Amino acid sequence: MADFNLEAMSLKELQQLQKDLAKAISSYEDRHKAEARTKLEAIAKEMGYSLADLIGVEVKTTRAPAGAKYRHPENAALTWSGRGRKPQWFADHINAGRDPSELAVLIRSQKMPGQS
């Protein structure tokens, strides 16, 4: 192991040493966790299970991002899916007494009003 004379080191050198030590400790813990996980997965596989089956980890499903439902009348790059907080341009449009359908994004498969 390296022999350090901490008293002779500058503040900058001590701070760098502290950062290096923290990094070394973190990577040591990560390596040992990975090793333990590998061993546990091998044991579980030997017994016909996955590690996730044994520890009850639930797979989280993610919802697909919502498509644009409304588009800004003057700037087509600004859209809103209809989820979450209303953008100010949409709120201003509604507060002016106008119909939200005026801002609706037309989808090609949608029928236009009045079509059969």
PDB file of N, CA and C in Angstrom:
ATOM      1  N   MET A   1       0.848  -1.176   0.000  1.00  0.00           N
ATOM      2  CA  MET A   1       0.000   0.000   0.000  1.00  0.00           C
ATOM      3  C   MET A   1       0.892   1.237   0.000  1.00  0.00           C
ATOM      4  N   ALA A   2       0.440   2.290  -0.642  1.00  0.00           N
ATOM      5  CA  ALA A   2       1.232   3.510  -0.739  1.00  0.00           C
ATOM      6  C   ALA A   2       1.373   4.162   0.620  1.00  0.00           C
ATOM      7  N   ASP A   3       2.539   4.763   0.835  1.00  0.00           N
ATOM      8  CA  ASP A   3       2.812   5.452   2.100  1.00  0.00           C
ATOM      9  C   ASP A   3       2.665   6.949   1.855  1.00  0.00           C
ATOM     10  N   PHE A   4       1.691   7.574   2.486  1.00  0.00           N
ATOM     11  CA  PHE A   4       1.408   8.989   2.295  1.00  0.00           C
ATOM     12  C   PHE A   4       1.819   9.788   3.519  1.00  0.00           C
ATOM     13  N   ASN A   5       2.438  10.943   3.281  1.00  0.00           N
ATOM     14  CA  ASN A   5       2.701  11.884   4.356  1.00  0.00           C
ATOM     15  C   ASN A   5       1.631  12.967   4.210  1.00  0.00           C
ATOM     16  N   LEU A   6       0.523  12.774   4.902  1.00  0.00           N
ATOM     17  CA  LEU A   6      -0.612  13.685   4.766  1.00  0.00           C
ATOM     18  C   LEU A   6      -0.279  15.096   5.220  1.00  0.00           C
ATOM     19  N   GLU A   7       0.624  15.219   6.184  1.00  0.00           N
ATOM     20  CA  GLU A   7       0.994  16.540   6.712  1.00  0.00           C
ATOM     21  C   GLU A   7       1.717  17.377   5.658  1.00  0.00           C
ATOM     22  N   ALA A   8       2.411  16.715   4.741  1.00  0.00           N
ATOM     23  CA  ALA A   8       3.192  17.437   3.739  1.00  0.00           C
ATOM     24  C   ALA A   8       2.370  17.784   2.497  1.00  0.00           C
ATOM     25  N   MET A   9       1.142  17.281   2.413  1.00  0.00           N
ATOM     26  CA  MET A   9       0.328  17.511   1.223  1.00  0.00           C
ATOM     27  C   MET A   9      -0.403  18.848   1.306  1.00  0.00           C
ATOM     28  N   SER A  10      -0.598  19.459   0.132  1.00  0.00           N
ATOM     29  CA  SER A  10      -1.340  20.721   0.070  1.00  0.00           C
ATOM     30  C   SER A  10      -2.837  20.417   0.168  1.00  0.00           C
ATOM     31  N   LEU A  11      -3.628  21.473   0.369  1.00  0.00           N
ATOM     32  CA  LEU A  11      -5.080  21.311   0.456  1.00  0.00           C
ATOM     33  C   LEU A  11      -5.621  20.729  -0.854  1.00  0.00           C
ATOM     34  N   LYS A  12      -5.124  21.211  -1.973  1.00  0.00           N
ATOM     35  CA  LYS A  12      -5.585  20.726  -3.269  1.00  0.00           C
ATOM     36  C   LYS A  12      -5.271  19.239  -3.429  1.00  0.00           C
ATOM     37  N   GLU A  13      -4.085  18.815  -3.019  1.00  0.00           N
ATOM     38  CA  GLU A  13      -3.699  17.404  -3.103  1.00  0.00           C
ATOM     39  C   GLU A  13      -4.562  16.549  -2.181  1.00  0.00           C
ATOM     40  N   LEU A  14      -4.871  17.048  -0.994  1.00  0.00           N
ATOM     41  CA  LEU A  14      -5.717  16.311  -0.048  1.00  0.00           C
ATOM     42  C   LEU A  14      -7.142  16.159  -0.589  1.00  0.00           C
ATOM     43  N   GLN A  15      -7.649  17.234  -1.187  1.00  0.00           N
ATOM     44  CA  GLN A  15      -8.996  17.174  -1.754  1.00  0.00           C
ATOM     45  C   GLN A  15      -9.048  16.188  -2.922  1.00  0.00           C
ATOM     46  N   GLN A  16      -8.005  16.163  -3.750  1.00  0.00           N
ATOM     47  CA  GLN A  16      -7.952  15.212  -4.859  1.00  0.00           C
ATOM     48  C   GLN A  16      -7.874  13.786  -4.326  1.00  0.00           C
ATOM     49  N   LEU A  17      -7.085  13.585  -3.275  1.00  0.00           N
ATOM     50  CA  LEU A  17      -6.976  12.272  -2.649  1.00  0.00           C
ATOM     51  C   LEU A  17      -8.329  11.820  -2.106  1.00  0.00           C
ATOM     52  N   GLN A  18      -9.065  12.764  -1.504  1.00  0.00           N
ATOM     53  CA  GLN A  18     -10.392  12.459  -0.963  1.00  0.00           C
ATOM     54  C   GLN A  18     -11.337  12.023  -2.094  1.00  0.00           C
ATOM     55  N   LYS A  19     -11.295  12.741  -3.228  1.00  0.00           N
ATOM     56  CA  LYS A  19     -12.141  12.378  -4.378  1.00  0.00           C
ATOM     57  C   LYS A  19     -11.766  10.999  -4.905  1.00  0.00           C
ATOM     58  N   ASP A  20     -10.469  10.752  -5.009  1.00  0.00           N
ATOM     59  CA  ASP A  20     -10.001   9.456  -5.512  1.00  0.00           C
ATOM     60  C   ASP A  20     -10.421   8.319  -4.591  1.00  0.00           C
ATOM     61  N   LEU A  21     -10.350   8.550  -3.287  1.00  0.00           N
ATOM     62  CA  LEU A  21     -10.760   7.527  -2.321  1.00  0.00           C
ATOM     63  C   LEU A  21     -12.261   7.235  -2.426  1.00  0.00           C
ATOM     64  N   ALA A  22     -13.057   8.290  -2.524  1.00  0.00           N
ATOM     65  CA  ALA A  22     -14.506   8.104  -2.641  1.00  0.00           C
ATOM     66  C   ALA A  22     -14.849   7.305  -3.897  1.00  0.00           C
ATOM     67  N   LYS A  23     -14.145   7.615  -4.995  1.00  0.00           N
ATOM     68  CA  LYS A  23     -14.374   6.906  -6.254  1.00  0.00           C
ATOM     69  C   LYS A  23     -13.962   5.439  -6.125  1.00  0.00           C
ATOM     70  N   ALA A  24     -12.830   5.186  -5.474  1.00  0.00           N
ATOM     71  CA  ALA A  24     -12.342   3.820  -5.302  1.00  0.00           C
ATOM     72  C   ALA A  24     -13.295   3.008  -4.431  1.00  0.00           C
ATOM     73  N   ILE A  25     -13.809   3.618  -3.384  1.00  0.00           N
ATOM     74  CA  ILE A  25     -14.749   2.927  -2.491  1.00  0.00           C
ATOM     75  C   ILE A  25     -16.038   2.601  -3.235  1.00  0.00           C
ATOM     76  N   SER A  26     -16.537   3.557  -3.997  1.00  0.00           N
ATOM     77  CA  SER A  26     -17.766   3.360  -4.744  1.00  0.00           C
ATOM     78  C   SER A  26     -17.615   2.247  -5.778  1.00  0.00           C
ATOM     79  N   SER A  27     -16.523   2.263  -6.515  1.00  0.00           N
ATOM     80  CA  SER A  27     -16.330   1.234  -7.535  1.00  0.00           C
ATOM     81  C   SER A  27     -16.112  -0.134  -6.887  1.00  0.00           C
ATOM     82  N   TYR A  28     -15.488  -0.169  -5.719  1.00  0.00           N
ATOM     83  CA  TYR A  28     -15.294  -1.425  -4.992  1.00  0.00           C
ATOM     84  C   TYR A  28     -16.651  -2.027  -4.617  1.00  0.00           C
ATOM     85  N   GLU A  29     -17.525  -1.179  -4.067  1.00  0.00           N
ATOM     86  CA  GLU A  29     -18.858  -1.650  -3.676  1.00  0.00           C
ATOM     87  C   GLU A  29     -19.648  -2.117  -4.895  1.00  0.00           C
ATOM     88  N   ASP A  30     -19.546  -1.374  -5.986  1.00  0.00           N
ATOM     89  CA  ASP A  30     -20.266  -1.744  -7.207  1.00  0.00           C
ATOM     90  C   ASP A  30     -19.771  -3.082  -7.750  1.00  0.00           C
ATOM     91  N   ARG A  31     -18.462  -3.297  -7.747  1.00  0.00           N
ATOM     92  CA  ARG A  31     -17.907  -4.562  -8.233  1.00  0.00           C
ATOM     93  C   ARG A  31     -18.387  -5.725  -7.384  1.00  0.00           C
ATOM     94  N   HIS A  32     -18.387  -5.540  -6.064  1.00  0.00           N
ATOM     95  CA  HIS A  32     -18.814  -6.628  -5.179  1.00  0.00           C
ATOM     96  C   HIS A  32     -20.316  -6.904  -5.291  1.00  0.00           C
ATOM     97  N   LYS A  33     -21.111  -5.869  -5.489  1.00  0.00           N
ATOM     98  CA  LYS A  33     -22.550  -6.076  -5.703  1.00  0.00           C
ATOM     99  C   LYS A  33     -22.789  -6.835  -7.000  1.00  0.00           C
ATOM    100  N   ALA A  34     -22.059  -6.469  -8.049  1.00  0.00           N
ATOM    101  CA  ALA A  34     -22.212  -7.145  -9.337  1.00  0.00           C
ATOM    102  C   ALA A  34     -21.808  -8.611  -9.218  1.00  0.00           C
ATOM    103  N   GLU A  35     -20.734  -8.871  -8.485  1.00  0.00           N
ATOM    104  CA  GLU A  35     -20.273 -10.245  -8.276  1.00  0.00           C
ATOM    105  C   GLU A  35     -21.326 -11.055  -7.516  1.00  0.00           C
ATOM    106  N   ALA A  36     -21.890 -10.460  -6.478  1.00  0.00           N
ATOM    107  CA  ALA A  36     -22.916 -11.142  -5.683  1.00  0.00           C
ATOM    108  C   ALA A  36     -24.156 -11.422  -6.536  1.00  0.00           C
ATOM    109  N   ARG A  37     -24.550 -10.440  -7.351  1.00  0.00           N
ATOM    110  CA  ARG A  37     -25.722 -10.605  -8.222  1.00  0.00           C
ATOM    111  C   ARG A  37     -25.483 -11.748  -9.207  1.00  0.00           C
ATOM    112  N   THR A  38     -24.285 -11.808  -9.779  1.00  0.00           N
ATOM    113  CA  THR A  38     -23.958 -12.873 -10.736  1.00  0.00           C
ATOM    114  C   THR A  38     -24.049 -14.243 -10.075  1.00  0.00           C
ATOM    115  N   LYS A  39     -23.521 -14.356  -8.867  1.00  0.00           N
ATOM    116  CA  LYS A  39     -23.579 -15.633  -8.145  1.00  0.00           C
ATOM    117  C   LYS A  39     -25.023 -16.022  -7.843  1.00  0.00           C
ATOM    118  N   LEU A  40     -25.805 -15.058  -7.383  1.00  0.00           N
ATOM    119  CA  LEU A  40     -27.206 -15.336  -7.059  1.00  0.00           C
ATOM    120  C   LEU A  40     -28.002 -15.720  -8.300  1.00  0.00           C
ATOM    121  N   GLU A  41     -27.741 -15.038  -9.428  1.00  0.00           N
ATOM    122  CA  GLU A  41     -28.438 -15.375 -10.664  1.00  0.00           C
ATOM    123  C   GLU A  41     -28.099 -16.792 -11.115  1.00  0.00           C
ATOM    124  N   ALA A  42     -26.837 -17.180 -10.940  1.00  0.00           N
ATOM    125  CA  ALA A  42     -26.415 -18.536 -11.325  1.00  0.00           C
ATOM    126  C   ALA A  42     -27.117 -19.582 -10.459  1.00  0.00           C
ATOM    127  N   ILE A  43     -27.208 -19.322  -9.157  1.00  0.00           N
ATOM    128  CA  ILE A  43     -27.884 -20.265  -8.248  1.00  0.00           C
ATOM    129  C   ILE A  43     -29.367 -20.360  -8.603  1.00  0.00           C
ATOM    130  N   ALA A  44     -30.012 -19.214  -8.851  1.00  0.00           N
ATOM    131  CA  ALA A  44     -31.431 -19.209  -9.202  1.00  0.00           C
ATOM    132  C   ALA A  44     -31.651 -19.960 -10.516  1.00  0.00           C
ATOM    133  N   LYS A  45     -30.772 -19.741 -11.489  1.00  0.00           N
ATOM    134  CA  LYS A  45     -30.907 -20.409 -12.789  1.00  0.00           C
ATOM    135  C   LYS A  45     -30.748 -21.921 -12.633  1.00  0.00           C
ATOM    136  N   GLU A  46     -29.815 -22.330 -11.771  1.00  0.00           N
ATOM    137  CA  GLU A  46     -29.607 -23.752 -11.483  1.00  0.00           C
ATOM    138  C   GLU A  46     -30.887 -24.407 -10.977  1.00  0.00           C
ATOM    139  N   MET A  47     -31.663 -23.636 -10.226  1.00  0.00           N
ATOM    140  CA  MET A  47     -32.880 -24.166  -9.627  1.00  0.00           C
ATOM    141  C   MET A  47     -34.107 -23.929 -10.511  1.00  0.00           C
ATOM    142  N   GLY A  48     -33.890 -23.340 -11.689  1.00  0.00           N
ATOM    143  CA  GLY A  48     -34.990 -23.160 -12.635  1.00  0.00           C
ATOM    144  C   GLY A  48     -35.754 -21.865 -12.480  1.00  0.00           C
ATOM    145  N   TYR A  49     -35.171 -20.892 -11.836  1.00  0.00           N
ATOM    146  CA  TYR A  49     -35.829 -19.603 -11.638  1.00  0.00           C
ATOM    147  C   TYR A  49     -34.934 -18.483 -12.146  1.00  0.00           C
ATOM    148  N   SER A  50     -35.532 -17.311 -12.254  1.00  0.00           N
ATOM    149  CA  SER A  50     -34.718 -16.115 -12.478  1.00  0.00           C
ATOM    150  C   SER A  50     -34.640 -15.399 -11.140  1.00  0.00           C
ATOM    151  N   LEU A  51     -33.646 -14.584 -10.988  1.00  0.00           N
ATOM    152  CA  LEU A  51     -33.489 -13.837  -9.739  1.00  0.00           C
ATOM    153  C   LEU A  51     -34.701 -12.938  -9.501  1.00  0.00           C
ATOM    154  N   ALA A  52     -35.225 -12.350 -10.566  1.00  0.00           N
ATOM    155  CA  ALA A  52     -36.407 -11.487 -10.448  1.00  0.00           C
ATOM    156  C   ALA A  52     -37.616 -12.271  -9.937  1.00  0.00           C
ATOM    157  N   ASP A  53     -37.748 -13.541 -10.352  1.00  0.00           N
ATOM    158  CA  ASP A  53     -38.851 -14.381  -9.857  1.00  0.00           C
ATOM    159  C   ASP A  53     -38.754 -14.564  -8.350  1.00  0.00           C
ATOM    160  N   LEU A  54     -37.543 -14.751  -7.864  1.00  0.00           N
ATOM    161  CA  LEU A  54     -37.352 -15.058  -6.448  1.00  0.00           C
ATOM    162  C   LEU A  54     -37.469 -13.847  -5.533  1.00  0.00           C
ATOM    163  N   ILE A  55     -37.042 -12.701  -6.011  1.00  0.00           N
ATOM    164  CA  ILE A  55     -37.089 -11.529  -5.128  1.00  0.00           C
ATOM    165  C   ILE A  55     -38.332 -10.679  -5.354  1.00  0.00           C
ATOM    166  N   GLY A  56     -39.154 -11.070  -6.325  1.00  0.00           N
ATOM    167  CA  GLY A  56     -40.435 -10.388  -6.521  1.00  0.00           C
ATOM    168  C   GLY A  56     -40.323  -9.014  -7.142  1.00  0.00           C
ATOM    169  N   VAL A  57     -39.353  -8.820  -8.015  1.00  0.00           N
ATOM    170  CA  VAL A  57     -39.226  -7.535  -8.688  1.00  0.00           C
ATOM    171  C   VAL A  57     -40.314  -7.423  -9.731  1.00  0.00           C
ATOM    172  N   GLU A  58     -41.063  -6.343  -9.660  1.00  0.00           N
ATOM    173  CA  GLU A  58     -42.112  -6.119 -10.644  1.00  0.00           C
ATOM    174  C   GLU A  58     -41.530  -5.365 -11.826  1.00  0.00           C
ATOM    175  N   VAL A  59     -41.908  -5.782 -13.005  1.00  0.00           N
ATOM    176  CA  VAL A  59     -41.472  -5.086 -14.195  1.00  0.00           C
ATOM    177  C   VAL A  59     -42.382  -3.881 -14.373  1.00  0.00           C
ATOM    178  N   LYS A  60     -41.776  -2.719 -14.425  1.00  0.00           N
ATOM    179  CA  LYS A  60     -42.565  -1.501 -14.588  1.00  0.00           C
ATOM    180  C   LYS A  60     -42.864  -1.281 -16.056  1.00  0.00           C
ATOM    181  N   THR A  61     -44.119  -1.046 -16.337  1.00  0.00           N
ATOM    182  CA  THR A  61     -44.494  -0.750 -17.705  1.00  0.00           C
ATOM    183  C   THR A  61     -44.500   0.757 -17.883  1.00  0.00           C
ATOM    184  N   THR A  62     -44.069   1.170 -19.037  1.00  0.00           N
ATOM    185  CA  THR A  62     -44.072   2.598 -19.315  1.00  0.00           C
ATOM    186  C   THR A  62     -45.143   2.885 -20.345  1.00  0.00           C
ATOM    187  N   ARG A  63     -45.790   3.991 -20.158  1.00  0.00           N
ATOM    188  CA  ARG A  63     -46.838   4.389 -21.078  1.00  0.00           C
ATOM    189  C   ARG A  63     -46.189   5.103 -22.259  1.00  0.00           C
ATOM    190  N   ALA A  64     -46.664   4.792 -23.433  1.00  0.00           N
ATOM    191  CA  ALA A  64     -46.145   5.447 -24.637  1.00  0.00           C
ATOM    192  C   ALA A  64     -46.487   6.930 -24.578  1.00  0.00           C
ATOM    193  N   PRO A  65     -45.591   7.762 -25.084  1.00  0.00           N
ATOM    194  CA  PRO A  65     -45.881   9.192 -25.074  1.00  0.00           C
ATOM    195  C   PRO A  65     -47.143   9.488 -25.885  1.00  0.00           C
ATOM    196  N   ALA A  66     -47.914  10.412 -25.389  1.00  0.00           N
ATOM    197  CA  ALA A  66     -49.163  10.771 -26.061  1.00  0.00           C
ATOM    198  C   ALA A  66     -48.859  11.617 -27.287  1.00  0.00           C
ATOM    199  N   GLY A  67     -49.610  11.387 -28.323  1.00  0.00           N
ATOM    200  CA  GLY A  67     -49.450  12.176 -29.538  1.00  0.00           C
ATOM    201  C   GLY A  67     -50.103  13.541 -29.380  1.00  0.00           C
ATOM    202  N   ALA A  68     -49.777  14.415 -30.293  1.00  0.00           N
ATOM    203  CA  ALA A  68     -50.331  15.769 -30.251  1.00  0.00           C
ATOM    204  C   ALA A  68     -51.825  15.723 -30.541  1.00  0.00           C
ATOM    205  N   LYS A  69     -52.579  16.413 -29.706  1.00  0.00           N
ATOM    206  CA  LYS A  69     -54.022  16.491 -29.894  1.00  0.00           C
ATOM    207  C   LYS A  69     -54.425  17.908 -30.313  1.00  0.00           C
ATOM    208  N   TYR A  70     -53.650  18.900 -29.862  1.00  0.00           N
ATOM    209  CA  TYR A  70     -53.926  20.305 -30.175  1.00  0.00           C
ATOM    210  C   TYR A  70     -52.653  20.967 -30.694  1.00  0.00           C
ATOM    211  N   ARG A  71     -52.830  21.898 -31.628  1.00  0.00           N
ATOM    212  CA  ARG A  71     -51.700  22.613 -32.220  1.00  0.00           C
ATOM    213  C   ARG A  71     -51.943  24.107 -32.125  1.00  0.00           C
ATOM    214  N   HIS A  72     -50.884  24.859 -31.815  1.00  0.00           N
ATOM    215  CA  HIS A  72     -50.949  26.324 -31.744  1.00  0.00           C
ATOM    216  C   HIS A  72     -51.365  26.858 -33.112  1.00  0.00           C
ATOM    217  N   PRO A  73     -52.287  27.828 -33.155  1.00  0.00           N
ATOM    218  CA  PRO A  73     -52.796  28.301 -34.444  1.00  0.00           C
ATOM    219  C   PRO A  73     -51.756  29.029 -35.305  1.00  0.00           C
ATOM    220  N   GLU A  74     -50.756  29.628 -34.685  1.00  0.00           N
ATOM    221  CA  GLU A  74     -49.772  30.397 -35.453  1.00  0.00           C
ATOM    222  C   GLU A  74     -48.406  29.719 -35.529  1.00  0.00           C
ATOM    223  N   ASN A  75     -48.087  28.869 -34.560  1.00  0.00           N
ATOM    224  CA  ASN A  75     -46.790  28.194 -34.528  1.00  0.00           C
ATOM    225  C   ASN A  75     -47.040  26.690 -34.455  1.00  0.00           C
ATOM    226  N   ALA A  76     -46.977  26.022 -35.602  1.00  0.00           N
ATOM    227  CA  ALA A  76     -47.309  24.598 -35.687  1.00  0.00           C
ATOM    228  C   ALA A  76     -46.350  23.722 -34.879  1.00  0.00           C
ATOM    229  N   ALA A  77     -45.207  24.260 -34.481  1.00  0.00           N
ATOM    230  CA  ALA A  77     -44.248  23.485 -33.694  1.00  0.00           C
ATOM    231  C   ALA A  77     -44.734  23.303 -32.252  1.00  0.00           C
ATOM    232  N   LEU A  78     -45.647  24.152 -31.795  1.00  0.00           N
ATOM    233  CA  LEU A  78     -46.170  24.060 -30.434  1.00  0.00           C
ATOM    234  C   LEU A  78     -47.418  23.190 -30.432  1.00  0.00           C
ATOM    235  N   THR A  79     -47.327  22.081 -29.714  1.00  0.00           N
ATOM    236  CA  THR A  79     -48.464  21.167 -29.628  1.00  0.00           C
ATOM    237  C   THR A  79     -48.717  20.802 -28.177  1.00  0.00           C
ATOM    238  N   TRP A  80     -49.876  20.199 -27.932  1.00  0.00           N
ATOM    239  CA  TRP A  80     -50.232  19.719 -26.593  1.00  0.00           C
ATOM    240  C   TRP A  80     -51.012  18.428 -26.750  1.00  0.00           C
ATOM    241  N   SER A  81     -50.733  17.455 -25.924  1.00  0.00           N
ATOM    242  CA  SER A  81     -51.363  16.137 -26.025  1.00  0.00           C
ATOM    243  C   SER A  81     -52.740  16.086 -25.377  1.00  0.00           C
ATOM    244  N   GLY A  82     -53.072  17.097 -24.598  1.00  0.00           N
ATOM    245  CA  GLY A  82     -54.336  17.062 -23.866  1.00  0.00           C
ATOM    246  C   GLY A  82     -54.137  16.504 -22.470  1.00  0.00           C
ATOM    247  N   ARG A  83     -52.924  16.079 -22.164  1.00  0.00           N
ATOM    248  CA  ARG A  83     -52.592  15.569 -20.826  1.00  0.00           C
ATOM    249  C   ARG A  83     -51.772  16.611 -20.083  1.00  0.00           C
ATOM    250  N   GLY A  84     -51.929  16.599 -18.785  1.00  0.00           N
ATOM    251  CA  GLY A  84     -51.115  17.508 -17.962  1.00  0.00           C
ATOM    252  C   GLY A  84     -51.618  18.934 -18.008  1.00  0.00           C
ATOM    253  N   ARG A  85     -50.762  19.823 -17.571  1.00  0.00           N
ATOM    254  CA  ARG A  85     -51.111  21.235 -17.480  1.00  0.00           C
ATOM    255  C   ARG A  85     -51.323  21.840 -18.867  1.00  0.00           C
ATOM    256  N   LYS A  86     -52.374  22.647 -18.990  1.00  0.00           N
ATOM    257  CA  LYS A  86     -52.684  23.294 -20.262  1.00  0.00           C
ATOM    258  C   LYS A  86     -51.624  24.349 -20.558  1.00  0.00           C
ATOM    259  N   PRO A  87     -51.148  24.398 -21.795  1.00  0.00           N
ATOM    260  CA  PRO A  87     -50.223  25.478 -22.152  1.00  0.00           C
ATOM    261  C   PRO A  87     -50.969  26.808 -22.188  1.00  0.00           C
ATOM    262  N   GLN A  88     -50.238  27.878 -21.996  1.00  0.00           N
ATOM    263  CA  GLN A  88     -50.857  29.203 -21.915  1.00  0.00           C
ATOM    264  C   GLN A  88     -51.601  29.553 -23.204  1.00  0.00           C
ATOM    265  N   TRP A  89     -51.044  29.192 -24.355  1.00  0.00           N
ATOM    266  CA  TRP A  89     -51.713  29.520 -25.615  1.00  0.00           C
ATOM    267  C   TRP A  89     -53.066  28.825 -25.732  1.00  0.00           C
ATOM    268  N   PHE A  90     -53.174  27.609 -25.188  1.00  0.00           N
ATOM    269  CA  PHE A  90     -54.448  26.882 -25.210  1.00  0.00           C
ATOM    270  C   PHE A  90     -55.430  27.539 -24.242  1.00  0.00           C
ATOM    271  N   ALA A  91     -54.965  27.855 -23.045  1.00  0.00           N
ATOM    272  CA  ALA A  91     -55.825  28.508 -22.043  1.00  0.00           C
ATOM    273  C   ALA A  91     -56.321  29.858 -22.555  1.00  0.00           C
ATOM    274  N   ASP A  92     -55.451  30.628 -23.210  1.00  0.00           N
ATOM    275  CA  ASP A  92     -55.852  31.930 -23.759  1.00  0.00           C
ATOM    276  C   ASP A  92     -56.943  31.756 -24.817  1.00  0.00           C
ATOM    277  N   HIS A  93     -56.812  30.734 -25.635  1.00  0.00           N
ATOM    278  CA  HIS A  93     -57.794  30.452 -26.677  1.00  0.00           C
ATOM    279  C   HIS A  93     -59.163  30.142 -26.057  1.00  0.00           C
ATOM    280  N   ILE A  94     -59.175  29.319 -25.033  1.00  0.00           N
ATOM    281  CA  ILE A  94     -60.425  28.937 -24.354  1.00  0.00           C
ATOM    282  C   ILE A  94     -61.022  30.134 -23.620  1.00  0.00           C
ATOM    283  N   ASN A  95     -60.152  30.897 -22.915  1.00  0.00           N
ATOM    284  CA  ASN A  95     -60.624  32.067 -22.160  1.00  0.00           C
ATOM    285  C   ASN A  95     -61.205  33.143 -23.071  1.00  0.00           C
ATOM    286  N   ALA A  96     -60.811  33.130 -24.330  1.00  0.00           N
ATOM    287  CA  ALA A  96     -61.362  34.092 -25.294  1.00  0.00           C
ATOM    288  C   ALA A  96     -62.732  33.631 -25.802  1.00  0.00           C
ATOM    289  N   GLY A  97     -63.225  32.493 -25.266  1.00  0.00           N
ATOM    290  CA  GLY A  97     -64.552  32.001 -25.634  1.00  0.00           C
ATOM    291  C   GLY A  97     -64.558  31.192 -26.915  1.00  0.00           C
ATOM    292  N   ARG A  98     -63.385  30.740 -27.341  1.00  0.00           N
ATOM    293  CA  ARG A  98     -63.303  29.986 -28.591  1.00  0.00           C
ATOM    294  C   ARG A  98     -63.347  28.494 -28.319  1.00  0.00           C
ATOM    295  N   ASP A  99     -63.668  27.740 -29.345  1.00  0.00           N
ATOM    296  CA  ASP A  99     -63.858  26.298 -29.254  1.00  0.00           C
ATOM    297  C   ASP A  99     -62.501  25.569 -29.335  1.00  0.00           C
ATOM    298  N   PRO A 100     -62.223  24.636 -28.404  1.00  0.00           N
ATOM    299  CA  PRO A 100     -60.958  23.901 -28.455  1.00  0.00           C
ATOM    300  C   PRO A 100     -60.793  23.077 -29.732  1.00  0.00           C
ATOM    301  N   SER A 101     -61.907  22.675 -30.354  1.00  0.00           N
ATOM    302  CA  SER A 101     -61.811  21.869 -31.579  1.00  0.00           C
ATOM    303  C   SER A 101     -61.156  22.649 -32.724  1.00  0.00           C
ATOM    304  N   GLU A 102     -61.124  23.979 -32.622  1.00  0.00           N
ATOM    305  CA  GLU A 102     -60.459  24.790 -33.639  1.00  0.00           C
ATOM    306  C   GLU A 102     -58.957  24.520 -33.649  1.00  0.00           C
ATOM    307  N   LEU A 103     -58.416  24.077 -32.517  1.00  0.00           N
ATOM    308  CA  LEU A 103     -56.984  23.810 -32.401  1.00  0.00           C
ATOM    309  C   LEU A 103     -56.656  22.332 -32.559  1.00  0.00           C
ATOM    310  N   ALA A 104     -57.676  21.500 -32.759  1.00  0.00           N
ATOM    311  CA  ALA A 104     -57.464  20.056 -32.833  1.00  0.00           C
ATOM    312  C   ALA A 104     -56.581  19.691 -34.010  1.00  0.00           C
ATOM    313  N   VAL A 105     -55.698  18.739 -33.759  1.00  0.00           N
ATOM    314  CA  VAL A 105     -54.833  18.220 -34.815  1.00  0.00           C
ATOM    315  C   VAL A 105     -55.647  17.197 -35.583  1.00  0.00           C
ATOM    316  N   LEU A 106     -55.700  17.345 -36.883  1.00  0.00           N
ATOM    317  CA  LEU A 106     -56.454  16.404 -37.705  1.00  0.00           C
ATOM    318  C   LEU A 106     -55.560  15.220 -38.022  1.00  0.00           C
ATOM    319  N   ILE A 107     -56.093  14.035 -37.754  1.00  0.00           N
ATOM    320  CA  ILE A 107     -55.392  12.804 -38.057  1.00  0.00           C
ATOM    321  C   ILE A 107     -55.949  12.285 -39.366  1.00  0.00           C
ATOM    322  N   ARG A 108     -55.101  11.811 -40.234  1.00  0.00           N
ATOM    323  CA  ARG A 108     -55.545  11.420 -41.587  1.00  0.00           C
ATOM    324  C   ARG A 108     -56.676  10.395 -41.562  1.00  0.00           C
ATOM    325  N   SER A 109     -56.655   9.481 -40.607  1.00  0.00           N
ATOM    326  CA  SER A 109     -57.697   8.464 -40.574  1.00  0.00           C
ATOM    327  C   SER A 109     -59.004   8.988 -39.988  1.00  0.00           C
ATOM    328  N   GLN A 110     -58.968  10.173 -39.384  1.00  0.00           N
ATOM    329  CA  GLN A 110     -60.197  10.753 -38.825  1.00  0.00           C
ATOM    330  C   GLN A 110     -61.059  11.305 -39.955  1.00  0.00           C
ATOM    331  N   LYS A 111     -62.352  11.187 -39.779  1.00  0.00           N
ATOM    332  CA  LYS A 111     -63.257  11.771 -40.756  1.00  0.00           C
ATOM    333  C   LYS A 111     -63.472  13.235 -40.388  1.00  0.00           C
ATOM    334  N   MET A 112     -63.543  14.037 -41.382  1.00  0.00           N
ATOM    335  CA  MET A 112     -63.812  15.459 -41.183  1.00  0.00           C
ATOM    336  C   MET A 112     -65.274  15.625 -40.798  1.00  0.00           C
ATOM    337  N   PRO A 113     -65.622  16.641 -39.995  1.00  0.00           N
ATOM    338  CA  PRO A 113     -67.019  16.868 -39.637  1.00  0.00           C
ATOM    339  C   PRO A 113     -67.860  17.041 -40.900  1.00  0.00           C
ATOM    340  N   GLY A 114     -68.990  16.375 -40.921  1.00  0.00           N
ATOM    341  CA  GLY A 114     -69.911  16.465 -42.049  1.00  0.00           C
ATOM    342  C   GLY A 114     -69.713  15.364 -43.065  1.00  0.00           C
ATOM    343  N   GLN A 115     -68.630  14.561 -42.912  1.00  0.00           N
ATOM    344  CA  GLN A 115     -68.407  13.445 -43.829  1.00  0.00           C
ATOM    345  C   GLN A 115     -69.092  12.205 -43.290  1.00  0.00           C
ATOM    346  N   SER A 116     -69.494  11.305 -44.174  1.00  0.00           N
ATOM    347  CA  SER A 116     -70.108  10.057 -43.704  1.00  0.00           C
ATOM    348  C   SER A 116     -69.245   8.883 -44.031  1.00  0.00           C
TER     349      SER A 116
END
